[in-house]
Amino acid sequence: YQILEIYDALQQLLRISANQSDWPAEPKEFVAQRFGLVTKKILQVLQRAGVVEINSLGQPVNYEYHEVIGENVRPDIPEGHIIEVSQEGFLYEGEVLRMAKVITSATQTH
């Protein structure tokens, strides 16, 4: 489970590096590429150990696998579908290791 904390930290750094609009293009690309490679390697290690990432984005919310942390009005997307994954969820041997934290679509403000 602790390796997921490393994965989360790298994902966060990857998002930060990709959103620094004032960075020159080359260093930004290099940093994003390197963090992307490390994150991919960690996922490979997890998969070899039997850990599987929950496929969430674009799917209808499933409360066995998803913790809804927010919703956004999106009339173009069916209500209750996942439009953003805040934190990836994982399964281990078919059991939930960690629920995915997600944001879902809503057709109107509740």
N, C-alpha and C. Protein backbone atom coordinates (compact mmCIF):
# COMPACT_ATOMS: atom_id res chain seq x y z
N TYR A 1 0.83 -1.20 0.00
CA TYR A 1 0.00 0.00 0.00
C TYR A 1 0.87 1.26 0.00
N GLN A 2 2.00 1.23 0.66
CA GLN A 2 2.84 2.42 0.76
C GLN A 2 3.38 2.88 -0.58
N ILE A 3 3.56 1.96 -1.51
CA ILE A 3 4.05 2.35 -2.83
C ILE A 3 3.04 3.24 -3.55
N LEU A 4 1.77 3.14 -3.17
CA LEU A 4 0.75 4.00 -3.77
C LEU A 4 0.99 5.46 -3.41
N GLU A 5 1.56 5.70 -2.24
CA GLU A 5 1.87 7.08 -1.85
C GLU A 5 2.94 7.66 -2.77
N ILE A 6 3.91 6.83 -3.14
CA ILE A 6 4.96 7.26 -4.07
C ILE A 6 4.33 7.54 -5.42
N TYR A 7 3.47 6.65 -5.86
CA TYR A 7 2.76 6.83 -7.13
C TYR A 7 1.99 8.15 -7.13
N ASP A 8 1.24 8.42 -6.05
CA ASP A 8 0.46 9.66 -5.96
C ASP A 8 1.35 10.88 -6.03
N ALA A 9 2.47 10.85 -5.32
CA ALA A 9 3.39 11.99 -5.31
C ALA A 9 3.95 12.25 -6.71
N LEU A 10 4.29 11.19 -7.41
CA LEU A 10 4.81 11.36 -8.76
C LEU A 10 3.74 11.87 -9.71
N GLN A 11 2.52 11.38 -9.55
CA GLN A 11 1.42 11.87 -10.39
C GLN A 11 1.19 13.36 -10.14
N GLN A 12 1.25 13.77 -8.88
CA GLN A 12 1.05 15.18 -8.55
C GLN A 12 2.17 16.03 -9.17
N LEU A 13 3.41 15.57 -9.06
CA LEU A 13 4.53 16.31 -9.66
C LEU A 13 4.38 16.38 -11.17
N LEU A 14 3.88 15.32 -11.77
CA LEU A 14 3.68 15.31 -13.22
C LEU A 14 2.64 16.36 -13.61
N ARG A 15 1.56 16.45 -12.84
CA ARG A 15 0.52 17.45 -13.12
C ARG A 15 1.08 18.87 -12.95
N ILE A 16 1.85 19.08 -11.87
CA ILE A 16 2.43 20.40 -11.61
C ILE A 16 3.38 20.79 -12.74
N SER A 17 4.25 19.85 -13.14
CA SER A 17 5.21 20.17 -14.19
C SER A 17 4.52 20.48 -15.51
N ALA A 18 3.41 19.83 -15.77
CA ALA A 18 2.70 20.06 -17.03
C ALA A 18 1.93 21.37 -17.03
N ASN A 19 1.66 21.94 -15.86
CA ASN A 19 0.86 23.15 -15.77
C ASN A 19 1.68 24.42 -15.55
N GLN A 20 2.96 24.33 -15.59
CA GLN A 20 3.80 25.52 -15.41
C GLN A 20 3.96 26.24 -16.73
N SER A 21 3.02 27.11 -17.04
CA SER A 21 2.98 27.76 -18.35
C SER A 21 4.19 28.67 -18.60
N ASP A 22 4.84 29.10 -17.51
CA ASP A 22 5.98 30.00 -17.70
C ASP A 22 7.30 29.24 -17.88
N TRP A 23 7.29 27.92 -17.80
CA TRP A 23 8.50 27.15 -18.03
C TRP A 23 8.85 27.14 -19.52
N PRO A 24 10.14 27.14 -19.84
CA PRO A 24 10.50 26.93 -21.25
C PRO A 24 10.02 25.54 -21.68
N ALA A 25 9.69 25.37 -22.93
CA ALA A 25 9.10 24.13 -23.44
C ALA A 25 10.00 22.92 -23.21
N GLU A 26 11.29 23.04 -23.47
CA GLU A 26 12.17 21.87 -23.37
C GLU A 26 12.29 21.33 -21.94
N PRO A 27 12.61 22.15 -20.93
CA PRO A 27 12.67 21.59 -19.57
C PRO A 27 11.32 21.03 -19.11
N LYS A 28 10.25 21.69 -19.49
CA LYS A 28 8.92 21.22 -19.12
C LYS A 28 8.69 19.83 -19.71
N GLU A 29 9.01 19.65 -20.96
CA GLU A 29 8.83 18.35 -21.63
C GLU A 29 9.73 17.29 -21.00
N PHE A 30 10.97 17.64 -20.71
CA PHE A 30 11.91 16.70 -20.10
C PHE A 30 11.42 16.22 -18.74
N VAL A 31 11.00 17.16 -17.88
CA VAL A 31 10.52 16.81 -16.54
C VAL A 31 9.28 15.94 -16.64
N ALA A 32 8.34 16.32 -17.48
CA ALA A 32 7.12 15.55 -17.65
C ALA A 32 7.43 14.14 -18.15
N GLN A 33 8.34 14.04 -19.10
CA GLN A 33 8.70 12.73 -19.65
C GLN A 33 9.34 11.85 -18.58
N ARG A 34 10.25 12.40 -17.80
CA ARG A 34 10.94 11.62 -16.77
C ARG A 34 9.98 11.14 -15.68
N PHE A 35 9.13 12.04 -15.20
CA PHE A 35 8.16 11.63 -14.18
C PHE A 35 7.18 10.61 -14.75
N GLY A 36 6.83 10.79 -16.02
CA GLY A 36 5.95 9.83 -16.67
C GLY A 36 6.57 8.44 -16.73
N LEU A 37 7.86 8.37 -17.02
CA LEU A 37 8.55 7.08 -17.08
C LEU A 37 8.61 6.41 -15.71
N VAL A 38 8.88 7.19 -14.68
CA VAL A 38 8.94 6.63 -13.32
C VAL A 38 7.57 6.13 -12.89
N THR A 39 6.55 6.91 -13.17
CA THR A 39 5.19 6.51 -12.82
C THR A 39 4.81 5.21 -13.54
N LYS A 40 5.16 5.11 -14.81
CA LYS A 40 4.88 3.90 -15.59
C LYS A 40 5.58 2.70 -14.98
N LYS A 41 6.82 2.88 -14.57
CA LYS A 41 7.58 1.79 -13.96
C LYS A 41 6.93 1.33 -12.65
N ILE A 42 6.50 2.28 -11.84
CA ILE A 42 5.85 1.92 -10.57
C ILE A 42 4.56 1.14 -10.85
N LEU A 43 3.80 1.56 -11.85
CA LEU A 43 2.58 0.82 -12.21
C LEU A 43 2.91 -0.60 -12.66
N GLN A 44 4.00 -0.77 -13.39
CA GLN A 44 4.42 -2.10 -13.81
C GLN A 44 4.75 -2.99 -12.61
N VAL A 45 5.45 -2.42 -11.64
CA VAL A 45 5.79 -3.16 -10.42
C VAL A 45 4.51 -3.57 -9.68
N LEU A 46 3.58 -2.64 -9.57
CA LEU A 46 2.31 -2.93 -8.92
C LEU A 46 1.55 -4.03 -9.65
N GLN A 47 1.53 -3.96 -10.98
CA GLN A 47 0.82 -4.98 -11.76
C GLN A 47 1.44 -6.36 -11.59
N ARG A 48 2.75 -6.42 -11.54
CA ARG A 48 3.43 -7.71 -11.32
C ARG A 48 3.09 -8.29 -9.95
N ALA A 49 2.79 -7.41 -9.01
CA ALA A 49 2.43 -7.86 -7.66
C ALA A 49 0.94 -8.18 -7.55
N GLY A 50 0.19 -8.02 -8.66
CA GLY A 50 -1.23 -8.35 -8.65
C GLY A 50 -2.15 -7.17 -8.41
N VAL A 51 -1.61 -5.96 -8.42
CA VAL A 51 -2.42 -4.76 -8.21
C VAL A 51 -2.88 -4.24 -9.57
N VAL A 52 -4.17 -3.95 -9.69
CA VAL A 52 -4.75 -3.48 -10.94
C VAL A 52 -5.42 -2.14 -10.70
N GLU A 53 -5.18 -1.20 -11.61
CA GLU A 53 -5.80 0.12 -11.53
C GLU A 53 -7.27 0.01 -11.92
N ILE A 54 -8.14 0.70 -11.18
CA ILE A 54 -9.56 0.72 -11.49
C ILE A 54 -9.78 1.68 -12.66
N ASN A 55 -10.41 1.18 -13.71
CA ASN A 55 -10.73 2.01 -14.88
C ASN A 55 -11.94 2.86 -14.53
N SER A 56 -11.77 4.16 -14.36
CA SER A 56 -12.85 5.01 -13.86
C SER A 56 -13.33 6.06 -14.85
N LEU A 57 -12.43 6.75 -15.50
CA LEU A 57 -12.78 7.91 -16.33
C LEU A 57 -13.79 7.53 -17.41
N GLY A 58 -14.89 8.28 -17.45
CA GLY A 58 -15.93 8.06 -18.44
C GLY A 58 -16.93 6.98 -18.08
N GLN A 59 -16.68 6.29 -16.98
CA GLN A 59 -17.56 5.20 -16.56
C GLN A 59 -18.66 5.73 -15.64
N PRO A 60 -19.78 5.00 -15.54
CA PRO A 60 -20.78 5.36 -14.52
C PRO A 60 -20.18 5.10 -13.13
N VAL A 61 -20.55 5.91 -12.16
CA VAL A 61 -20.02 5.72 -10.81
C VAL A 61 -20.50 4.38 -10.26
N ASN A 62 -19.58 3.69 -9.59
CA ASN A 62 -19.88 2.41 -8.93
C ASN A 62 -19.38 2.58 -7.50
N TYR A 63 -20.29 2.62 -6.55
CA TYR A 63 -19.92 2.93 -5.18
C TYR A 63 -19.09 1.85 -4.50
N GLU A 64 -18.91 0.70 -5.15
CA GLU A 64 -18.00 -0.32 -4.64
C GLU A 64 -16.55 0.09 -4.89
N TYR A 65 -16.35 0.88 -5.97
CA TYR A 65 -15.00 1.24 -6.40
C TYR A 65 -14.69 2.73 -6.34
N HIS A 66 -15.72 3.56 -6.28
CA HIS A 66 -15.53 5.01 -6.39
C HIS A 66 -16.05 5.76 -5.18
N GLU A 67 -15.26 6.70 -4.73
CA GLU A 67 -15.69 7.66 -3.70
C GLU A 67 -15.90 8.99 -4.42
N VAL A 68 -17.13 9.44 -4.46
CA VAL A 68 -17.44 10.69 -5.15
C VAL A 68 -17.08 11.86 -4.23
N ILE A 69 -16.17 12.71 -4.71
CA ILE A 69 -15.73 13.84 -3.89
C ILE A 69 -16.26 15.16 -4.43
N GLY A 70 -16.98 15.09 -5.54
CA GLY A 70 -17.57 16.31 -6.10
C GLY A 70 -18.31 16.01 -7.38
N GLU A 71 -19.03 17.00 -7.84
CA GLU A 71 -19.73 16.87 -9.12
C GLU A 71 -19.73 18.22 -9.81
N ASN A 72 -19.74 18.16 -11.13
CA ASN A 72 -19.79 19.36 -11.96
C ASN A 72 -20.95 19.23 -12.93
N VAL A 73 -21.63 20.34 -13.16
CA VAL A 73 -22.73 20.33 -14.12
C VAL A 73 -22.15 20.16 -15.52
N ARG A 74 -22.56 19.08 -16.16
CA ARG A 74 -22.13 18.76 -17.52
C ARG A 74 -23.32 18.20 -18.28
N PRO A 75 -24.16 19.06 -18.86
CA PRO A 75 -25.35 18.57 -19.55
C PRO A 75 -25.03 17.68 -20.74
N ASP A 76 -23.79 17.74 -21.24
CA ASP A 76 -23.39 16.93 -22.40
C ASP A 76 -22.98 15.50 -22.03
N ILE A 77 -22.90 15.21 -20.72
CA ILE A 77 -22.49 13.89 -20.23
C ILE A 77 -23.59 13.34 -19.33
N PRO A 78 -23.94 12.07 -19.49
CA PRO A 78 -24.99 11.51 -18.64
C PRO A 78 -24.66 11.68 -17.15
N GLU A 79 -25.68 12.01 -16.38
CA GLU A 79 -25.50 12.22 -14.94
C GLU A 79 -24.90 10.97 -14.29
N GLY A 80 -23.98 11.20 -13.36
CA GLY A 80 -23.38 10.11 -12.60
C GLY A 80 -22.20 9.44 -13.28
N HIS A 81 -21.75 9.98 -14.40
CA HIS A 81 -20.57 9.44 -15.06
C HIS A 81 -19.33 10.19 -14.55
N ILE A 82 -18.24 9.51 -14.50
CA ILE A 82 -17.00 10.08 -13.96
C ILE A 82 -16.34 10.95 -15.02
N ILE A 83 -16.13 12.22 -14.65
CA ILE A 83 -15.52 13.17 -15.58
C ILE A 83 -14.09 13.54 -15.17
N GLU A 84 -13.73 13.20 -13.94
CA GLU A 84 -12.36 13.48 -13.47
C GLU A 84 -12.02 12.49 -12.37
N VAL A 85 -10.77 12.03 -12.38
CA VAL A 85 -10.28 11.15 -11.33
C VAL A 85 -9.26 11.95 -10.53
N SER A 86 -9.58 12.20 -9.26
CA SER A 86 -8.70 12.96 -8.39
C SER A 86 -7.58 12.08 -7.83
N GLN A 87 -7.92 10.84 -7.54
CA GLN A 87 -6.94 9.88 -7.03
C GLN A 87 -7.33 8.50 -7.56
N GLU A 88 -6.37 7.84 -8.19
CA GLU A 88 -6.63 6.53 -8.78
C GLU A 88 -6.99 5.51 -7.71
N GLY A 89 -7.84 4.58 -8.11
CA GLY A 89 -8.20 3.47 -7.23
C GLY A 89 -7.54 2.20 -7.73
N PHE A 90 -7.37 1.23 -6.83
CA PHE A 90 -6.68 0.00 -7.18
C PHE A 90 -7.35 -1.22 -6.56
N LEU A 91 -7.24 -2.34 -7.29
CA LEU A 91 -7.73 -3.63 -6.81
C LEU A 91 -6.53 -4.54 -6.60
N TYR A 92 -6.64 -5.42 -5.61
CA TYR A 92 -5.63 -6.44 -5.38
C TYR A 92 -6.36 -7.77 -5.23
N GLU A 93 -6.06 -8.67 -6.15
CA GLU A 93 -6.71 -9.98 -6.16
C GLU A 93 -8.23 -9.85 -6.12
N GLY A 94 -8.75 -8.89 -6.90
CA GLY A 94 -10.19 -8.71 -7.01
C GLY A 94 -10.83 -7.91 -5.89
N GLU A 95 -10.08 -7.57 -4.87
CA GLU A 95 -10.60 -6.80 -3.74
C GLU A 95 -10.11 -5.35 -3.84
N VAL A 96 -10.94 -4.43 -3.37
CA VAL A 96 -10.57 -3.02 -3.42
C VAL A 96 -9.43 -2.75 -2.45
N LEU A 97 -8.31 -2.33 -2.99
CA LEU A 97 -7.17 -1.92 -2.17
C LEU A 97 -7.37 -0.47 -1.75
N ARG A 98 -7.84 0.33 -2.71
CA ARG A 98 -8.16 1.72 -2.44
C ARG A 98 -9.19 2.18 -3.46
N MET A 99 -10.23 2.82 -2.95
CA MET A 99 -11.27 3.35 -3.84
C MET A 99 -10.72 4.55 -4.62
N ALA A 100 -11.22 4.72 -5.83
CA ALA A 100 -10.85 5.89 -6.63
C ALA A 100 -11.66 7.08 -6.15
N LYS A 101 -11.01 8.23 -6.00
CA LYS A 101 -11.70 9.47 -5.66
C LYS A 101 -12.02 10.17 -6.97
N VAL A 102 -13.32 10.41 -7.19
CA VAL A 102 -13.75 10.88 -8.50
C VAL A 102 -14.70 12.07 -8.41
N ILE A 103 -14.81 12.76 -9.54
CA ILE A 103 -15.79 13.83 -9.71
C ILE A 103 -16.73 13.36 -10.81
N THR A 104 -18.03 13.49 -10.55
CA THR A 104 -19.03 12.99 -11.50
C THR A 104 -19.76 14.13 -12.18
N SER A 105 -20.45 13.78 -13.25
CA SER A 105 -21.25 14.75 -13.98
C SER A 105 -22.62 14.89 -13.34
N ALA A 106 -23.16 16.07 -13.45
CA ALA A 106 -24.52 16.34 -13.00
C ALA A 106 -25.21 17.12 -14.12
N THR A 107 -26.50 16.94 -14.26
CA THR A 107 -27.23 17.67 -15.30
C THR A 107 -27.74 19.01 -14.79
N GLN A 108 -27.79 19.13 -13.45
CA GLN A 108 -28.20 20.39 -12.83
C GLN A 108 -27.58 20.49 -11.44
N THR A 109 -27.55 21.68 -10.90
CA THR A 109 -27.03 21.89 -9.56
C THR A 109 -28.01 21.29 -8.54
N HIS A 110 -27.45 20.50 -7.60
CA HIS A 110 -28.29 19.86 -6.58
C HIS A 110 -28.37 20.70 -5.32
